[in-house]
Amino acid sequence: MLATPLLTVLSEAFPHTRFDWAISEWARPAIGSNPRLTEIVITSQGGLQEVGWGELYALAQRLRQEQYDTCLIPSRSSLLSLVAWWARIPQRIGLHEKGRGFAHTIAVKSGRGAQQHEAAVYLKLAAALGIPGEKISDAAMEFYPPDVDRTAVTQRLVNENWLGDSPLVLMHPGGGTNPVQANRNKQWPVERFVRLANYIIRQYKARVILVGAKPDLPLANDVSGLLSMPVINLAGQLTLGELGALCEVANLYIGNDSGPTHIAAAVGCPTLAIFGPTDPAISGPYATKGRVKILGEGEDKQRPFSWENSVPVEEARTAVDQLLT
């Protein structure tokens, strides 16, 4: 999601250019329906670090057959640098840090030591192509739910007897785990989600829907079981496109530092993003269409992270009041 602003800038600067995106299968739903793309090239099921050398070389040969003119690599991966070189793509533009961009024809320094948002770092590749700064500064995250998912979500809401007569609030208590990394410290404590949901239901007479992937279902069940009033639990039942479509009609989304939180912000849903050990100045929602409030300041390097003194329920309630009024 944080690389979508780069795609936006490139497609608008070069409107007659074909853009393909090489991505792993687990991450494909985040950009699979983006109309700016011509083709999705699946690189692996999970992260490339789990792929053998033979598979990497086979990927390079697939890319070579496409005869691409340019490859942009918004990553600090030496493996991606090698694959693009093996594919003999003439112009290879990518991030260069600690020698990892050794095969790029245009190596862009990421400036890792500086406090920079990841999306802004990726956008340096657009600047390396000579795209004016004013066009780069307007770039925002994008997510496009397929129409079939919008239709499915509309029908599901009708089946749940929600007709727009009360606020609709989505809560995502999970996240922090995927094939590339796992950090359960990103998850705001369950009991705080429970207290916040009870407040929202009482104060705003809202319908609350719990969302998340299949691994998040136990957490969603815990939240649902502790609430004083029934909610709709759709954890493990929605595709990413359906989640995006649901965010388009919701009045508020509340979630941890995870992909769904970025999707909610990208489609314009008022979003409360709760950050734990990760720094929102680096990986928070970027240049979004709607109102976004971020709670949490990232990990203090002087001591291990703990939720004990970070993002109390009272702080989250204040943010909810601001986003729902």
Protein backbone atom coordinates (compact mmCIF):
# COMPACT_ATOMS: atom_id res chain seq x y z
CA MET A 1 0.00 0.00 0.00
CA LEU A 2 2.82 2.40 0.77
CA ALA A 3 4.13 1.92 -2.77
CA THR A 4 0.83 2.89 -4.43
CA PRO A 5 1.63 6.65 -4.34
CA LEU A 6 4.68 5.88 -6.50
CA LEU A 7 2.49 4.03 -9.02
CA THR A 8 0.07 6.96 -9.09
CA VAL A 9 2.83 9.46 -9.88
CA LEU A 10 4.39 7.25 -12.55
CA SER A 11 1.13 6.47 -14.36
CA GLU A 12 0.11 10.12 -14.44
CA ALA A 13 3.55 11.30 -15.58
CA PHE A 14 3.72 8.63 -18.32
CA PRO A 15 0.08 8.02 -19.32
CA HIS A 16 0.91 5.91 -22.39
CA THR A 17 3.22 3.52 -20.55
CA ARG A 18 2.29 -0.02 -19.55
CA PHE A 19 2.83 -0.73 -15.87
CA ASP A 20 3.09 -4.25 -14.48
CA TRP A 21 3.69 -5.09 -10.82
CA ALA A 22 5.71 -8.06 -9.60
CA ILE A 23 4.42 -9.09 -6.18
CA SER A 24 3.99 -12.10 -3.92
CA GLU A 25 0.67 -13.96 -3.86
CA TRP A 26 -0.10 -13.02 -0.24
CA ALA A 27 0.26 -9.30 -1.02
CA ARG A 28 -1.46 -9.35 -4.43
CA PRO A 29 -4.99 -8.45 -3.16
CA ALA A 30 -3.72 -5.03 -2.05
CA ILE A 31 -3.08 -3.94 -5.64
CA GLY A 32 -4.77 -6.60 -7.78
CA SER A 33 -7.72 -4.42 -8.80
CA ASN A 34 -5.73 -1.21 -9.35
CA PRO A 35 -6.77 0.15 -12.79
CA ARG A 36 -3.35 1.72 -13.30
CA LEU A 37 -1.83 -1.76 -13.77
CA THR A 38 -1.84 -3.90 -16.90
CA GLU A 39 -0.60 -7.17 -15.40
CA ILE A 40 0.28 -8.71 -12.05
CA VAL A 41 3.41 -10.90 -12.02
CA ILE A 42 3.39 -13.34 -9.09
CA THR A 43 6.89 -13.74 -7.70
CA SER A 44 6.24 -16.24 -4.88
CA GLN A 45 3.66 -17.29 -2.32
CA GLY A 46 5.30 -15.37 0.53
CA GLY A 47 8.53 -13.42 0.89
CA LEU A 48 11.41 -13.88 -1.56
CA GLN A 49 13.72 -14.83 1.29
CA GLU A 50 11.99 -18.23 1.29
CA VAL A 51 12.54 -18.80 -2.45
CA GLY A 52 15.42 -20.92 -3.74
CA TRP A 53 18.02 -19.73 -6.24
CA GLY A 54 16.49 -21.81 -9.02
CA GLU A 55 13.10 -20.18 -8.53
CA LEU A 56 14.68 -16.72 -8.47
CA TYR A 57 16.46 -17.40 -11.74
CA ALA A 58 13.22 -18.72 -13.27
CA LEU A 59 11.48 -15.51 -12.21
CA ALA A 60 14.22 -13.49 -13.88
CA GLN A 61 13.77 -15.45 -17.11
CA ARG A 62 10.01 -14.80 -17.05
CA LEU A 63 10.68 -11.08 -16.70
CA ARG A 64 13.29 -11.20 -19.45
CA GLN A 65 10.76 -12.67 -21.90
CA GLU A 66 8.53 -9.63 -21.37
CA GLN A 67 11.33 -7.35 -22.64
CA TYR A 68 10.70 -4.59 -20.11
CA ASP A 69 12.44 -1.26 -20.73
CA THR A 70 12.54 -0.14 -17.10
CA CYS A 71 12.25 -1.71 -13.68
CA LEU A 72 11.61 0.30 -10.51
CA ILE A 73 12.43 -1.40 -7.21
CA PRO A 74 10.97 0.43 -4.18
CA SER A 75 12.80 -1.93 -1.85
CA ARG A 76 16.20 -2.33 -0.24
CA SER A 77 16.38 -5.97 -1.29
CA SER A 78 19.60 -7.23 -2.87
CA LEU A 79 17.62 -10.22 -4.21
CA LEU A 80 15.32 -7.96 -6.24
CA SER A 81 18.33 -6.07 -7.52
CA LEU A 82 19.85 -9.37 -8.67
CA VAL A 83 16.63 -10.60 -10.32
CA ALA A 84 16.27 -7.39 -12.36
CA TRP A 85 19.90 -7.71 -13.47
CA TRP A 86 19.44 -11.36 -14.43
CA ALA A 87 16.34 -10.34 -16.40
CA ARG A 88 18.54 -7.93 -18.41
CA ILE A 89 16.15 -5.03 -17.98
CA PRO A 90 18.11 -2.09 -19.45
CA GLN A 91 17.08 0.58 -16.92
CA ARG A 92 16.94 -0.54 -13.29
CA ILE A 93 16.01 2.17 -10.78
CA GLY A 94 15.98 1.26 -7.12
CA LEU A 95 16.92 2.06 -3.56
CA HIS A 96 20.56 1.66 -2.66
CA GLU A 97 21.53 1.04 0.93
CA LYS A 98 24.59 -0.78 2.30
CA GLY A 99 25.43 -2.11 -1.15
CA ARG A 100 22.06 -3.82 -1.69
CA GLY A 101 21.35 -1.87 -4.88
CA PHE A 102 24.57 -3.04 -6.50
CA ALA A 103 22.94 -3.91 -9.84
CA HIS A 104 20.82 -0.78 -10.30
CA THR A 105 21.65 1.47 -13.25
CA ILE A 106 20.22 4.36 -11.22
CA ALA A 107 20.86 3.80 -7.53
CA VAL A 108 18.85 6.08 -5.25
CA LYS A 109 20.02 6.63 -1.69
CA SER A 110 17.19 5.97 0.73
CA GLY A 111 18.52 8.22 3.50
CA ARG A 112 17.71 5.55 6.06
CA GLY A 113 19.16 7.50 8.96
CA ALA A 114 16.71 10.37 8.51
CA GLN A 115 13.15 10.35 9.85
CA GLN A 116 11.31 9.70 6.60
CA HIS A 117 8.03 8.06 5.76
CA GLU A 118 8.50 4.88 3.71
CA ALA A 119 6.15 6.15 0.99
CA ALA A 120 8.25 9.31 0.68
CA VAL A 121 11.37 7.16 0.32
CA TYR A 122 9.75 5.16 -2.48
CA LEU A 123 8.74 8.39 -4.21
CA LYS A 124 12.43 9.26 -4.56
CA LEU A 125 12.43 6.86 -7.49
CA ALA A 126 9.97 9.14 -9.28
CA ALA A 127 12.26 12.09 -8.66
CA ALA A 128 15.14 10.08 -10.15
CA LEU A 129 13.09 9.85 -13.36
CA GLY A 130 12.82 13.63 -13.48
CA ILE A 131 9.20 13.93 -12.40
CA PRO A 132 8.61 17.43 -10.92
CA GLY A 133 8.37 17.72 -7.16
CA GLU A 134 4.93 19.33 -7.20
CA LYS A 135 3.48 16.24 -8.89
CA ILE A 136 5.20 13.96 -6.41
CA SER A 137 3.99 15.90 -3.37
CA ASP A 138 0.33 15.35 -4.32
CA ALA A 139 0.61 11.53 -4.43
CA ALA A 140 -1.64 9.53 -2.11
CA MET A 141 -2.30 5.89 -1.25
CA GLU A 142 -4.91 4.20 -3.43
CA PHE A 143 -7.11 1.12 -3.15
CA TYR A 144 -9.86 0.13 -5.56
CA PRO A 145 -12.44 -2.43 -4.38
CA PRO A 146 -13.84 -4.42 -7.33
CA ASP A 147 -17.52 -3.73 -8.12
CA VAL A 148 -18.37 -7.35 -7.40
CA ASP A 149 -17.09 -6.86 -3.85
CA ARG A 150 -19.12 -3.67 -3.45
CA THR A 151 -22.23 -5.59 -4.48
CA ALA A 152 -21.45 -8.44 -2.09
CA VAL A 153 -20.92 -6.03 0.81
CA THR A 154 -24.18 -4.19 0.10
CA GLN A 155 -26.08 -7.47 0.18
CA ARG A 156 -24.35 -8.56 3.38
CA LEU A 157 -25.27 -5.30 5.12
CA VAL A 158 -28.89 -5.65 4.02
CA ASN A 159 -28.89 -9.18 5.40
CA GLU A 160 -27.60 -7.79 8.71
CA ASN A 161 -30.47 -5.27 8.71
CA TRP A 162 -28.20 -2.25 8.45
CA LEU A 163 -29.86 0.31 6.18
CA GLY A 164 -27.77 3.37 7.01
CA ASP A 165 -29.99 4.38 9.93
CA SER A 166 -27.15 4.21 12.48
CA PRO A 167 -23.38 4.79 12.41
CA LEU A 168 -21.39 1.84 11.09
CA VAL A 169 -18.07 1.25 12.89
CA LEU A 170 -15.45 -1.34 11.86
CA MET A 171 -12.94 -2.67 14.39
CA HIS A 172 -9.87 -4.72 13.50
CA PRO A 173 -8.27 -6.04 16.70
CA GLY A 174 -5.68 -8.23 14.93
CA GLY A 175 -2.84 -7.71 12.49
CA GLY A 176 0.89 -7.66 13.02
CA THR A 177 1.49 -11.06 11.41
CA ASN A 178 2.12 -12.02 7.79
CA PRO A 179 4.50 -14.28 5.80
CA VAL A 180 7.23 -11.63 5.99
CA GLN A 181 7.09 -10.68 9.67
CA ALA A 182 5.26 -11.29 12.95
CA ASN A 183 4.95 -8.72 15.72
CA ARG A 184 2.00 -9.28 18.03
CA ASN A 185 3.08 -6.25 20.06
CA LYS A 186 1.33 -4.26 17.33
CA GLN A 187 -2.02 -5.46 18.71
CA TRP A 188 -3.76 -3.04 21.07
CA PRO A 189 -4.96 -5.09 24.08
CA VAL A 190 -8.27 -6.92 23.62
CA GLU A 191 -9.82 -5.46 26.76
CA ARG A 192 -9.28 -1.94 25.40
CA PHE A 193 -11.05 -2.82 22.16
CA VAL A 194 -13.90 -4.16 24.29
CA ARG A 195 -14.18 -1.02 26.41
CA LEU A 196 -13.98 1.22 23.33
CA ALA A 197 -16.63 -0.80 21.47
CA ASN A 198 -18.99 -0.66 24.46
CA TYR A 199 -18.55 3.12 24.57
CA ILE A 200 -19.24 3.52 20.84
CA ILE A 201 -22.39 1.38 21.02
CA ARG A 202 -23.77 3.21 24.04
CA GLN A 203 -22.78 6.73 23.02
CA TYR A 204 -23.58 6.61 19.30
CA LYS A 205 -26.03 3.69 19.01
CA ALA A 206 -23.62 2.38 16.39
CA ARG A 207 -23.49 -0.99 14.68
CA VAL A 208 -20.05 -2.48 15.24
CA ILE A 209 -18.53 -4.97 12.82
CA LEU A 210 -15.40 -6.92 13.75
CA VAL A 211 -13.12 -7.60 10.78
CA GLY A 212 -9.83 -9.34 10.14
CA ALA A 213 -8.18 -12.26 8.38
CA LYS A 214 -8.61 -15.89 9.45
CA PRO A 215 -5.67 -15.73 11.90
CA ASP A 216 -7.45 -12.79 13.60
CA LEU A 217 -10.61 -14.80 14.30
CA PRO A 218 -9.64 -15.86 17.86
CA LEU A 219 -9.01 -12.22 18.80
CA ALA A 220 -12.28 -11.10 17.22
CA ASN A 221 -14.10 -13.89 19.08
CA ASP A 222 -12.52 -12.71 22.35
CA VAL A 223 -13.72 -9.15 21.74
CA SER A 224 -17.19 -10.29 20.73
CA GLY A 225 -17.53 -12.58 23.73
CA LEU A 226 -16.62 -9.85 26.22
CA LEU A 227 -18.94 -7.16 24.86
CA SER A 228 -22.11 -6.25 26.71
CA MET A 229 -24.09 -6.07 23.46
CA PRO A 230 -24.03 -8.19 20.28
CA VAL A 231 -21.92 -7.16 17.31
CA ILE A 232 -21.38 -8.54 13.80
CA ASN A 233 -18.25 -10.70 13.62
CA LEU A 234 -16.97 -11.01 10.04
CA ALA A 235 -13.36 -11.88 10.89
CA GLY A 236 -12.09 -14.46 8.43
CA GLN A 237 -15.10 -14.01 6.13
CA LEU A 238 -14.12 -11.03 3.95
CA THR A 239 -11.73 -10.69 1.06
CA LEU A 240 -9.49 -7.63 1.05
CA GLY A 241 -11.65 -6.15 -1.70
CA GLU A 242 -14.79 -6.67 0.37
CA LEU A 243 -13.10 -5.06 3.35
CA GLY A 244 -12.24 -2.05 1.19
CA ALA A 245 -15.84 -1.85 -0.03
CA LEU A 246 -17.08 -2.05 3.56
CA CYS A 247 -14.72 0.79 4.51
CA GLU A 248 -16.21 2.91 1.72
CA VAL A 249 -19.60 2.94 3.46
CA ALA A 250 -18.49 2.82 7.12
CA ASN A 251 -18.52 5.89 9.35
CA LEU A 252 -15.36 4.85 11.21
CA TYR A 253 -12.59 2.25 11.11
CA ILE A 254 -10.45 1.41 14.15
CA GLY A 255 -7.41 -0.82 13.83
CA ASN A 256 -3.80 -1.52 14.63
CA ASP A 257 -0.78 -0.89 12.42
CA SER A 258 -1.70 -3.32 9.64
CA GLY A 259 -2.59 -3.47 5.95
CA PRO A 260 -6.37 -3.16 6.48
CA THR A 261 -5.84 0.10 8.37
CA HIS A 262 -4.00 1.54 5.38
CA ILE A 263 -6.78 0.35 3.07
CA ALA A 264 -9.44 2.02 5.22
CA ALA A 265 -7.53 5.29 5.11
CA ALA A 266 -6.86 4.96 1.37
CA VAL A 267 -10.55 4.64 0.44
CA GLY A 268 -11.48 7.69 2.54
CA CYS A 269 -13.02 6.07 5.61
CA PRO A 270 -12.47 8.12 8.81
CA THR A 271 -9.72 6.06 10.43
CA LEU A 272 -8.32 5.65 13.93
CA ALA A 273 -4.92 3.97 13.59
CA ILE A 274 -3.39 2.66 16.82
CA PHE A 275 0.37 2.21 16.76
CA GLY A 276 2.45 0.26 19.25
CA PRO A 277 6.19 -0.37 18.78
CA THR A 278 6.28 0.81 15.15
CA ASP A 279 6.76 4.48 14.28
CA PRO A 280 3.76 6.07 12.49
CA ALA A 281 6.05 8.77 11.13
CA ILE A 282 7.68 6.02 9.05
CA SER A 283 4.88 3.54 8.33
CA GLY A 284 1.58 5.28 9.10
CA PRO A 285 -1.16 5.93 6.50
CA TYR A 286 0.24 8.28 3.86
CA ALA A 287 -1.52 11.25 2.19
CA THR A 288 -5.00 9.81 2.62
CA LYS A 289 -8.32 11.01 1.18
CA GLY A 290 -10.21 11.07 4.47
CA ARG A 291 -9.71 12.03 8.10
CA VAL A 292 -7.12 9.95 9.92
CA LYS A 293 -6.06 10.11 13.55
CA ILE A 294 -2.98 8.21 14.67
CA LEU A 295 -2.39 7.28 18.30
CA GLY A 296 0.97 6.06 19.55
CA GLU A 297 4.46 7.37 18.96
CA GLY A 298 6.47 4.22 18.29
CA GLU A 299 8.97 2.39 20.44
CA ASP A 300 11.24 4.17 22.88
CA LYS A 301 14.71 2.85 22.05
CA GLN A 302 15.72 3.20 25.70
CA ARG A 303 13.34 0.47 26.94
CA PRO A 304 11.26 -2.43 25.60
CA PHE A 305 7.82 -1.50 24.32
CA SER A 306 4.81 -2.02 26.57
CA TRP A 307 1.14 -1.08 26.14
CA GLU A 308 0.96 -0.27 29.85
CA ASN A 309 1.55 3.43 29.34
CA SER A 310 0.65 3.70 25.66
CA VAL A 311 -2.72 4.63 24.11
CA PRO A 312 -5.17 4.36 27.02
CA VAL A 313 -8.86 3.86 26.23
CA GLU A 314 -9.63 7.46 27.23
CA GLU A 315 -7.32 8.77 24.51
CA ALA A 316 -8.99 6.51 21.95
CA ARG A 317 -12.46 7.69 23.06
CA THR A 318 -11.47 11.30 22.45
CA ALA A 319 -10.25 10.43 18.96
CA VAL A 320 -13.48 8.54 18.22
CA ASP A 321 -15.55 11.55 19.32
CA GLN A 322 -13.58 13.77 16.96
CA LEU A 323 -13.95 11.38 14.02
CA LEU A 324 -17.67 10.63 14.50
CA THR A 325 -18.78 14.25 14.88
